[in-house]
Amino acid sequence: MYNKTRSEINVEFYLRPSGRINLRLNNFTFYKHLKARTNAYRWSCTAYGSKWKCKAHLIITDKLEVLKASIDHSHPPSSRKEPRLPSLKPINKSDAYNKQNGHPTINPPSLTPLHDYLIAHSVYNNY
């Protein structure tokens, strides 16, 4: 089994060329597989459907709380490094208002598919 101790955990999200978001945990990659329950998704190892038949998975809420972690992998970690998330342009409060009439815009301008995803899954309801 391939695993690391708790003190060595490194987690990041990255954007795939297809526009989908994957999760990297200590160089093991996961994809959003199934809706596990209300406000939570199962993230399965990307080697799940491969010759490795890896059953490692995480159940993570929309607020990024880990409900379950089964991270014993049947394969070595990936040596291929996907590109990191693009830098998002900061949005100022003034950018959220219509320049002509001073009212909030209904749909702020889209920056990237990742930005759209983060807004849609934001814990803040006011955006």
Protein backbone atom coordinates (compact mmCIF):
# COMPACT_ATOMS: atom_id res chain seq x y z
CA MET A 1 0.00 0.00 0.00
CA TYR A 2 1.15 3.49 -0.82
CA ASN A 3 0.46 6.08 1.85
CA LYS A 4 2.15 8.86 3.83
CA THR A 5 2.01 9.93 7.42
CA ARG A 6 -0.36 12.69 8.46
CA SER A 7 2.45 15.24 8.86
CA GLU A 8 3.32 14.97 5.14
CA ILE A 9 -0.11 15.68 3.63
CA ASN A 10 -0.13 17.97 0.58
CA VAL A 11 -3.48 18.78 -1.10
CA GLU A 12 -4.26 20.92 -4.13
CA PHE A 13 -6.99 21.27 -6.73
CA TYR A 14 -6.06 21.65 -10.37
CA LEU A 15 -7.86 22.33 -13.62
CA ARG A 16 -7.74 19.65 -16.32
CA PRO A 17 -7.53 20.63 -20.00
CA SER A 18 -11.16 19.47 -20.32
CA GLY A 19 -12.19 22.14 -17.79
CA ARG A 20 -12.92 19.67 -14.98
CA ILE A 21 -11.32 20.00 -11.58
CA ASN A 22 -9.25 17.23 -10.06
CA LEU A 23 -7.77 16.93 -6.60
CA ARG A 24 -4.17 15.95 -5.91
CA LEU A 25 -3.34 14.46 -2.52
CA ASN A 26 0.35 13.61 -2.07
CA ASN A 27 0.72 13.06 -5.86
CA PHE A 28 -2.30 10.74 -6.03
CA THR A 29 -5.05 12.23 -8.17
CA PHE A 30 -8.80 12.06 -7.60
CA TYR A 31 -11.79 13.06 -9.73
CA LYS A 32 -15.29 14.03 -8.63
CA HIS A 33 -17.07 10.72 -9.18
CA LEU A 34 -20.50 10.57 -7.55
CA LYS A 35 -22.81 12.59 -5.35
CA ALA A 36 -22.47 10.69 -2.07
CA ARG A 37 -25.16 12.52 -0.10
CA THR A 38 -26.64 15.98 0.22
CA ASN A 39 -23.84 18.54 -0.18
CA ALA A 40 -21.11 15.88 -0.40
CA TYR A 41 -19.32 14.13 -3.27
CA ARG A 42 -17.21 11.03 -3.62
CA TRP A 43 -13.82 11.78 -5.14
CA SER A 44 -12.38 8.55 -6.57
CA CYS A 45 -8.77 7.81 -7.45
CA THR A 46 -8.09 8.39 -11.15
CA ALA A 47 -6.67 4.83 -11.30
CA TYR A 48 -10.11 3.43 -10.36
CA GLY A 49 -10.94 2.34 -13.91
CA SER A 50 -7.40 1.34 -14.87
CA LYS A 51 -5.50 -1.93 -14.54
CA TRP A 52 -4.84 -0.98 -10.90
CA LYS A 53 -8.56 -0.98 -9.94
CA CYS A 54 -7.68 1.41 -7.13
CA LYS A 55 -10.50 1.86 -4.60
CA ALA A 56 -9.04 4.86 -2.78
CA HIS A 57 -11.58 7.65 -2.38
CA LEU A 58 -12.59 10.68 -0.34
CA ILE A 59 -16.02 11.99 0.58
CA ILE A 60 -15.87 15.78 0.73
CA THR A 61 -18.64 18.29 1.42
CA ASP A 62 -19.22 21.46 -0.58
CA LYS A 63 -17.52 23.30 2.31
CA LEU A 64 -14.41 21.13 1.73
CA GLU A 65 -14.88 19.12 4.94
CA VAL A 66 -13.61 15.55 4.64
CA LEU A 67 -16.28 13.13 5.88
CA LYS A 68 -14.46 9.94 4.91
CA ALA A 69 -10.98 9.18 3.63
CA SER A 70 -10.00 5.77 2.31
CA ILE A 71 -6.60 6.57 0.84
CA ASP A 72 -4.79 3.23 0.66
CA HIS A 73 -3.80 3.07 -3.01
CA SER A 74 -2.95 -0.07 -5.00
CA HIS A 75 -0.40 1.77 -7.17
CA PRO A 76 2.54 4.17 -6.80
CA PRO A 77 1.93 7.94 -6.82
CA SER A 78 1.83 9.78 -10.11
CA SER A 79 5.10 11.27 -11.28
CA ARG A 80 3.35 13.45 -13.89
CA LYS A 81 2.61 16.91 -12.57
CA GLU A 82 -0.53 18.57 -13.96
CA PRO A 83 -0.46 22.34 -14.39
CA ARG A 84 -1.48 24.25 -11.29
CA LEU A 85 -4.64 26.30 -11.06
CA PRO A 86 -4.53 29.52 -13.02
CA SER A 87 -4.31 32.74 -11.07
CA LEU A 88 -7.74 34.27 -10.73
CA LYS A 89 -8.22 37.96 -11.28
CA PRO A 90 -9.34 39.54 -8.00
CA ILE A 91 -12.82 41.03 -8.19
CA ASN A 92 -13.31 44.30 -6.37
CA LYS A 93 -16.65 45.36 -4.96
CA SER A 94 -16.75 48.11 -7.58
CA ASP A 95 -16.40 45.48 -10.35
CA ALA A 96 -19.62 43.82 -9.18
CA TYR A 97 -21.67 46.94 -9.89
CA ASN A 98 -22.93 48.13 -13.22
CA LYS A 99 -20.86 51.15 -14.22
CA GLN A 100 -23.86 52.87 -15.85
CA ASN A 101 -26.57 52.70 -13.19
CA GLY A 102 -24.72 51.65 -10.02
CA HIS A 103 -26.83 48.52 -9.45
CA PRO A 104 -25.30 45.10 -8.75
CA THR A 105 -24.79 43.04 -11.88
CA ILE A 106 -26.87 39.88 -12.03
CA ASN A 107 -24.13 37.81 -13.66
CA PRO A 108 -20.60 39.05 -13.00
CA PRO A 109 -18.21 38.44 -15.89
CA SER A 110 -16.89 34.89 -16.13
CA LEU A 111 -13.14 34.62 -15.80
CA THR A 112 -12.44 30.91 -16.20
CA PRO A 113 -14.34 27.61 -15.86
CA LEU A 114 -12.60 27.23 -12.49
CA HIS A 115 -13.90 30.63 -11.36
CA ASP A 116 -17.43 29.61 -12.40
CA TYR A 117 -17.07 26.34 -10.46
CA LEU A 118 -15.79 28.07 -7.33
CA ILE A 119 -18.61 30.64 -7.45
CA ALA A 120 -21.23 27.91 -7.94
CA HIS A 121 -19.88 25.95 -4.97
CA SER A 122 -19.17 28.94 -2.76
CA VAL A 123 -20.26 28.82 0.86
CA TYR A 124 -21.25 32.46 0.49
CA ASN A 125 -24.77 32.98 -0.78
CA ASN A 126 -24.41 36.69 -1.49
CA TYR A 127 -22.32 36.43 -4.64
